[in-house]
Amino acid sequence: TPLLGGLENGRLIFNTAFIVVLVSLVIQGWTVGPLARRLGLIVPARLGPLDKVELELPGSAHHELLAYRVAPGSPVARGERIPRWARPSLVLRDGRSMRFQDMGRLAAGDHVYIFVPDRYPALLDKLFASRAVVDPEDADFFGAFAVDPARSAAELEAAYAPGLTEEERKLTVGDLVTARLGGHAEYADRVLIGPIELIVRDVDDKGRITGLGLSLEPTAPVARVPVFLSAGEIADRIVGFVRNWRKRTKKPAAEAPDDAEPAPQPVVGKATGEG
């Protein structure tokens, strides 16, 4: 240290270094967190399911089994209504497994297991794992466009061609969704019809749909699988191409065209005797 080395102004150097370190610990240390959050350098908490299992069911049904831990402050923990397609099949609380119908309101820390179609996990993240409030204008959750339930379903057919039957075209859009749901619609119910998905935004006390949203079902891009050929297959294709090319070039030479002039015949003269 400056004091032990006997440097000039050693005590001043030591005191200055001590004060700088003390100020750094007292002021700079506790400001690192707020500054990092302000600059967006904090790694966000992990969202999404704790576990995910893809299920192979008969036919074209694609479902997943998702396990969530209800995050504190999430919409579900605050009492947000849970859509029918997102209601847990099993809930674990304090080491006990119970049905969702017997649990009452979900609480932070509950582990829930949900069977859902494979296109809905991102929506579940907003309900169970995020603290963000579900906005009534959320395009992912309630559709990008608002649809008047009193409009004719025929207009829907004319605009998007979802393949409605003649009877369905005579209904209103609200009645069409209710019919597709088996006669009973609830908050956030979703009905997939061809290239569009109709989402129930709200219902009244009598169960009638008062608000609908429309979301265009994204079309999955066609996977382009590269075709790799072995050296033997490449050689076989080259040989086949050469053979076909030779056949095409030899065929015109071997066959004379119909309109070609006949080849001249040799003239054989008759011998005539002179008298």
Protein backbone atom coordinates (compact mmCIF):
# COMPACT_ATOMS: atom_id res chain seq x y z
CA THR A 1 0.00 0.00 0.00
CA PRO A 2 1.12 3.63 -0.33
CA LEU A 3 1.50 3.88 3.46
CA LEU A 4 3.72 0.81 3.77
CA GLY A 5 5.77 1.84 0.77
CA GLY A 6 6.45 5.23 2.29
CA LEU A 7 5.21 7.12 -0.78
CA GLU A 8 4.71 10.83 -0.65
CA ASN A 9 1.05 11.67 0.09
CA GLY A 10 0.47 7.97 0.74
CA ARG A 11 -2.26 8.61 3.29
CA LEU A 12 -4.12 10.86 0.82
CA ILE A 13 -3.95 8.19 -1.88
CA PHE A 14 -5.23 5.54 0.54
CA ASN A 15 -8.12 7.69 1.76
CA THR A 16 -9.11 8.59 -1.81
CA ALA A 17 -9.20 4.93 -2.90
CA PHE A 18 -11.19 3.99 0.21
CA ILE A 19 -13.81 6.67 -0.44
CA VAL A 20 -14.13 5.71 -4.14
CA VAL A 21 -14.75 2.04 -3.25
CA LEU A 22 -17.23 2.98 -0.53
CA VAL A 23 -19.18 5.28 -2.85
CA SER A 24 -19.21 2.58 -5.55
CA LEU A 25 -20.70 0.04 -3.15
CA VAL A 26 -23.28 2.38 -1.63
CA ILE A 27 -24.47 4.24 -4.73
CA GLN A 28 -23.45 2.33 -7.84
CA GLY A 29 -24.25 -1.13 -6.50
CA TRP A 30 -27.97 -0.70 -5.89
CA THR A 31 -28.48 1.33 -9.10
CA VAL A 32 -27.30 -1.51 -11.39
CA GLY A 33 -30.66 -3.30 -11.28
CA PRO A 34 -32.90 -0.28 -12.05
CA LEU A 35 -30.53 0.91 -14.78
CA ALA A 36 -30.43 -2.55 -16.40
CA ARG A 37 -34.24 -2.73 -16.35
CA ARG A 38 -34.45 0.73 -17.88
CA LEU A 39 -32.08 -0.29 -20.67
CA GLY A 40 -33.93 -3.57 -21.25
CA LEU A 41 -30.98 -5.74 -20.25
CA ILE A 42 -32.81 -7.87 -17.69
CA VAL A 43 -33.52 -11.40 -18.91
CA PRO A 44 -37.31 -11.81 -18.69
CA ALA A 45 -38.80 -14.53 -16.57
CA ARG A 46 -39.42 -17.78 -18.40
CA LEU A 47 -42.87 -17.94 -19.89
CA GLY A 48 -44.71 -20.88 -21.29
CA PRO A 49 -45.54 -24.34 -20.03
CA LEU A 50 -43.36 -26.22 -17.58
CA ASP A 51 -43.87 -29.39 -19.58
CA LYS A 52 -45.23 -30.17 -23.02
CA VAL A 53 -46.26 -33.50 -24.52
CA GLU A 54 -47.43 -33.85 -28.11
CA LEU A 55 -50.22 -36.39 -28.49
CA GLU A 56 -50.75 -38.51 -31.59
CA LEU A 57 -54.48 -39.11 -31.82
CA PRO A 58 -56.38 -41.02 -34.51
CA GLY A 59 -57.29 -39.00 -37.57
CA SER A 60 -56.04 -35.47 -38.11
CA ALA A 61 -56.49 -34.25 -34.52
CA HIS A 62 -53.33 -32.62 -33.16
CA HIS A 63 -53.42 -31.96 -29.42
CA GLU A 64 -50.87 -31.27 -26.73
CA LEU A 65 -50.77 -31.86 -23.00
CA LEU A 66 -49.40 -28.74 -21.30
CA ALA A 67 -48.42 -28.29 -17.67
CA TYR A 68 -48.46 -24.75 -16.25
CA ARG A 69 -47.67 -23.22 -12.91
CA VAL A 70 -50.04 -20.32 -12.34
CA ALA A 71 -47.83 -17.24 -12.11
CA PRO A 72 -48.51 -14.65 -9.39
CA GLY A 73 -50.36 -11.70 -10.89
CA SER A 74 -51.35 -13.62 -14.03
CA PRO A 75 -54.85 -13.04 -15.44
CA VAL A 76 -56.03 -16.41 -14.12
CA ALA A 77 -54.69 -15.68 -10.63
CA ARG A 78 -56.54 -12.34 -10.71
CA GLY A 79 -59.83 -14.06 -11.52
CA GLU A 80 -59.91 -13.76 -15.33
CA ARG A 81 -62.52 -15.98 -16.92
CA ILE A 82 -61.06 -19.15 -18.41
CA PRO A 83 -62.29 -20.19 -21.87
CA ARG A 84 -63.72 -23.66 -22.21
CA TRP A 85 -60.86 -24.77 -24.44
CA ALA A 86 -58.35 -23.71 -21.72
CA ARG A 87 -59.94 -25.27 -18.65
CA PRO A 88 -57.56 -27.63 -16.85
CA SER A 89 -58.19 -31.35 -16.80
CA LEU A 90 -56.23 -31.72 -13.56
CA VAL A 91 -55.01 -29.30 -10.87
CA LEU A 92 -52.29 -29.91 -8.28
CA ARG A 93 -52.38 -27.79 -5.11
CA ASP A 94 -50.31 -28.44 -2.00
CA GLY A 95 -49.50 -31.93 -3.21
CA ARG A 96 -53.15 -32.85 -3.80
CA SER A 97 -54.62 -33.56 -7.23
CA MET A 98 -58.19 -32.45 -7.86
CA ARG A 99 -60.53 -31.80 -10.73
CA PHE A 100 -60.84 -28.23 -11.92
CA GLN A 101 -64.57 -28.25 -11.15
CA ASP A 102 -63.80 -29.02 -7.48
CA MET A 103 -60.98 -26.49 -7.06
CA GLY A 104 -62.90 -23.27 -7.33
CA ARG A 105 -60.78 -20.30 -8.27
CA LEU A 106 -57.20 -21.04 -9.31
CA ALA A 107 -54.47 -19.54 -7.14
CA ALA A 108 -50.86 -18.60 -7.75
CA GLY A 109 -48.62 -21.63 -7.49
CA ASP A 110 -51.22 -24.14 -8.68
CA HIS A 111 -50.01 -26.65 -11.26
CA VAL A 112 -52.55 -27.20 -14.02
CA TYR A 113 -52.63 -29.76 -16.83
CA ILE A 114 -54.51 -28.86 -19.99
CA PHE A 115 -55.32 -30.70 -23.23
CA VAL A 116 -55.48 -28.19 -26.09
CA PRO A 117 -55.17 -28.12 -29.89
CA ASP A 118 -51.64 -27.44 -31.06
CA ARG A 119 -52.46 -23.89 -32.23
CA TYR A 120 -53.45 -22.56 -28.78
CA PRO A 121 -50.35 -22.81 -26.49
CA ALA A 122 -49.31 -19.20 -27.16
CA LEU A 123 -52.73 -18.03 -25.95
CA LEU A 124 -52.41 -20.08 -22.77
CA ASP A 125 -49.12 -18.36 -21.97
CA LYS A 126 -51.02 -15.08 -21.65
CA LEU A 127 -53.52 -16.60 -19.23
CA PHE A 128 -51.35 -18.67 -16.91
CA ALA A 129 -47.72 -17.53 -17.22
CA SER A 130 -47.83 -13.80 -17.93
CA ARG A 131 -48.73 -10.86 -15.72
CA ALA A 132 -50.05 -8.85 -18.65
CA VAL A 133 -53.76 -8.06 -18.62
CA VAL A 134 -55.78 -9.67 -21.41
CA ASP A 135 -56.75 -6.70 -23.56
CA PRO A 136 -60.26 -6.85 -25.08
CA GLU A 137 -58.62 -5.71 -28.33
CA ASP A 138 -55.92 -8.39 -28.24
CA ALA A 139 -55.77 -9.61 -31.84
CA ASP A 140 -54.33 -13.01 -30.93
CA PHE A 141 -56.86 -13.74 -28.21
CA PHE A 142 -60.02 -12.14 -29.61
CA GLY A 143 -59.34 -11.84 -33.34
CA ALA A 144 -57.98 -9.08 -35.53
CA PHE A 145 -61.41 -7.89 -36.75
CA ALA A 146 -64.69 -7.26 -34.97
CA VAL A 147 -67.78 -8.87 -36.50
CA ASP A 148 -71.36 -7.86 -35.82
CA PRO A 149 -73.21 -11.00 -34.66
CA ALA A 150 -76.40 -9.70 -36.30
CA ARG A 151 -74.87 -9.69 -39.80
CA SER A 152 -75.90 -12.36 -42.25
CA ALA A 153 -73.71 -15.42 -42.55
CA ALA A 154 -74.12 -15.14 -46.33
CA GLU A 155 -71.88 -12.06 -46.22
CA LEU A 156 -69.26 -14.16 -44.47
CA GLU A 157 -69.50 -16.74 -47.23
CA ALA A 158 -69.17 -14.08 -49.91
CA ALA A 159 -66.11 -12.52 -48.28
CA TYR A 160 -64.11 -15.56 -47.16
CA ALA A 161 -65.79 -18.61 -48.77
CA PRO A 162 -65.58 -20.80 -45.65
CA GLY A 163 -67.86 -23.40 -47.23
CA LEU A 164 -71.16 -22.80 -45.44
CA THR A 165 -74.22 -24.85 -46.30
CA GLU A 166 -77.37 -23.32 -47.73
CA GLU A 167 -79.09 -23.53 -44.35
CA GLU A 168 -76.17 -21.88 -42.56
CA ARG A 169 -76.13 -18.98 -45.01
CA LYS A 170 -79.65 -18.07 -43.91
CA LEU A 171 -78.50 -17.60 -40.29
CA THR A 172 -76.88 -14.61 -38.67
CA VAL A 173 -73.20 -14.89 -37.81
CA GLY A 174 -74.04 -15.10 -34.11
CA ASP A 175 -76.56 -17.89 -34.66
CA LEU A 176 -74.07 -19.69 -36.89
CA VAL A 177 -71.43 -19.69 -34.15
CA THR A 178 -73.97 -20.78 -31.55
CA ALA A 179 -75.10 -23.64 -33.78
CA ARG A 180 -71.52 -24.76 -34.38
CA LEU A 181 -70.98 -24.74 -30.60
CA GLY A 182 -73.90 -27.06 -30.01
CA GLY A 183 -76.43 -24.39 -29.08
CA HIS A 184 -74.50 -22.80 -26.21
CA ALA A 185 -71.79 -20.14 -26.52
CA GLU A 186 -69.42 -18.94 -23.81
CA TYR A 187 -66.78 -16.27 -23.42
CA ALA A 188 -63.72 -16.78 -25.69
CA ASP A 189 -65.18 -19.82 -27.47
CA ARG A 190 -63.55 -20.37 -30.86
CA VAL A 191 -65.08 -21.87 -34.00
CA LEU A 192 -62.85 -22.77 -36.94
CA ILE A 193 -64.69 -22.51 -40.27
CA GLY A 194 -62.51 -23.03 -43.30
CA PRO A 195 -59.83 -20.33 -43.50
CA ILE A 196 -61.29 -18.21 -40.67
CA GLU A 197 -61.81 -18.58 -36.94
CA LEU A 198 -64.70 -16.85 -35.18
CA ILE A 199 -64.12 -15.96 -31.52
CA VAL A 200 -66.80 -15.09 -28.99
CA ARG A 201 -65.80 -11.80 -27.37
CA ASP A 202 -68.75 -11.56 -25.01
CA VAL A 203 -72.21 -12.95 -24.25
CA ASP A 204 -75.16 -11.49 -22.37
CA ASP A 205 -76.98 -12.93 -19.36
CA LYS A 206 -79.15 -15.07 -21.63
CA GLY A 207 -76.18 -16.62 -23.40
CA ARG A 208 -76.64 -14.66 -26.62
CA ILE A 209 -73.48 -13.56 -28.38
CA THR A 210 -73.00 -9.79 -28.19
CA GLY A 211 -69.51 -9.54 -29.63
CA LEU A 212 -67.49 -11.56 -32.12
CA GLY A 213 -63.97 -11.43 -33.43
CA LEU A 214 -62.56 -12.87 -36.62
CA SER A 215 -59.09 -14.27 -37.08
CA LEU A 216 -57.65 -15.53 -40.34
CA GLU A 217 -56.26 -19.01 -39.93
CA PRO A 218 -52.61 -18.90 -41.04
CA THR A 219 -51.72 -21.27 -43.84
CA ALA A 220 -48.74 -23.42 -43.04
CA PRO A 221 -46.04 -23.11 -45.69
CA VAL A 222 -45.40 -26.18 -47.75
CA ALA A 223 -42.24 -27.84 -46.57
CA ARG A 224 -39.63 -28.07 -49.27
CA VAL A 225 -37.72 -31.28 -48.78
CA PRO A 226 -34.50 -31.40 -50.79
CA VAL A 227 -34.01 -34.54 -52.86
CA PHE A 228 -30.59 -36.08 -52.50
CA LEU A 229 -29.42 -38.67 -55.03
CA SER A 230 -26.64 -41.14 -54.61
CA ALA A 231 -23.78 -41.35 -57.10
CA GLY A 232 -25.30 -44.49 -58.64
CA GLU A 233 -28.70 -42.84 -59.10
CA ILE A 234 -27.08 -39.81 -60.74
CA ALA A 235 -25.15 -42.09 -63.13
CA ASP A 236 -28.32 -44.03 -64.01
CA ARG A 237 -30.19 -40.82 -64.80
CA ILE A 238 -27.36 -39.54 -67.01
CA VAL A 239 -27.21 -42.84 -68.92
CA GLY A 240 -30.99 -42.82 -69.36
CA PHE A 241 -30.92 -39.25 -70.65
CA VAL A 242 -28.19 -40.07 -73.20
CA ARG A 243 -30.07 -43.13 -74.43
CA ASN A 244 -33.28 -41.19 -74.91
CA TRP A 245 -31.41 -38.44 -76.72
CA ARG A 246 -29.80 -40.95 -79.10
CA LYS A 247 -33.15 -42.58 -79.85
CA ARG A 248 -34.67 -39.21 -80.69
CA THR A 249 -31.82 -38.32 -83.04
CA LYS A 250 -31.74 -41.70 -84.83
CA LYS A 251 -35.48 -41.99 -85.37
CA PRO A 252 -35.85 -39.21 -88.01
CA ALA A 253 -32.94 -40.64 -90.01
CA ALA A 254 -34.35 -44.17 -90.00
CA GLU A 255 -37.88 -43.17 -91.03
CA ALA A 256 -38.35 -41.30 -94.29
CA PRO A 257 -41.07 -38.67 -94.28
CA ASP A 258 -44.29 -39.35 -96.15
CA ASP A 259 -43.92 -36.38 -98.49
CA ALA A 260 -40.36 -37.22 -99.54
CA GLU A 261 -39.78 -37.72 -103.26
CA PRO A 262 -39.31 -41.37 -104.28
CA ALA A 263 -35.82 -42.39 -105.16
CA PRO A 264 -35.20 -42.62 -108.94
CA GLN A 265 -35.47 -46.16 -110.34
CA PRO A 266 -32.82 -47.48 -112.70
CA VAL A 267 -33.95 -47.52 -116.35
CA VAL A 268 -33.44 -50.81 -118.11
CA GLY A 269 -33.46 -50.37 -121.87
CA LYS A 270 -34.79 -53.06 -124.24
CA ALA A 271 -32.36 -54.41 -126.76
CA THR A 272 -33.56 -53.72 -130.30
CA GLY A 273 -32.13 -55.47 -133.27
CA GLU A 274 -31.30 -53.56 -136.43
CA GLY A 275 -32.58 -55.07 -139.59
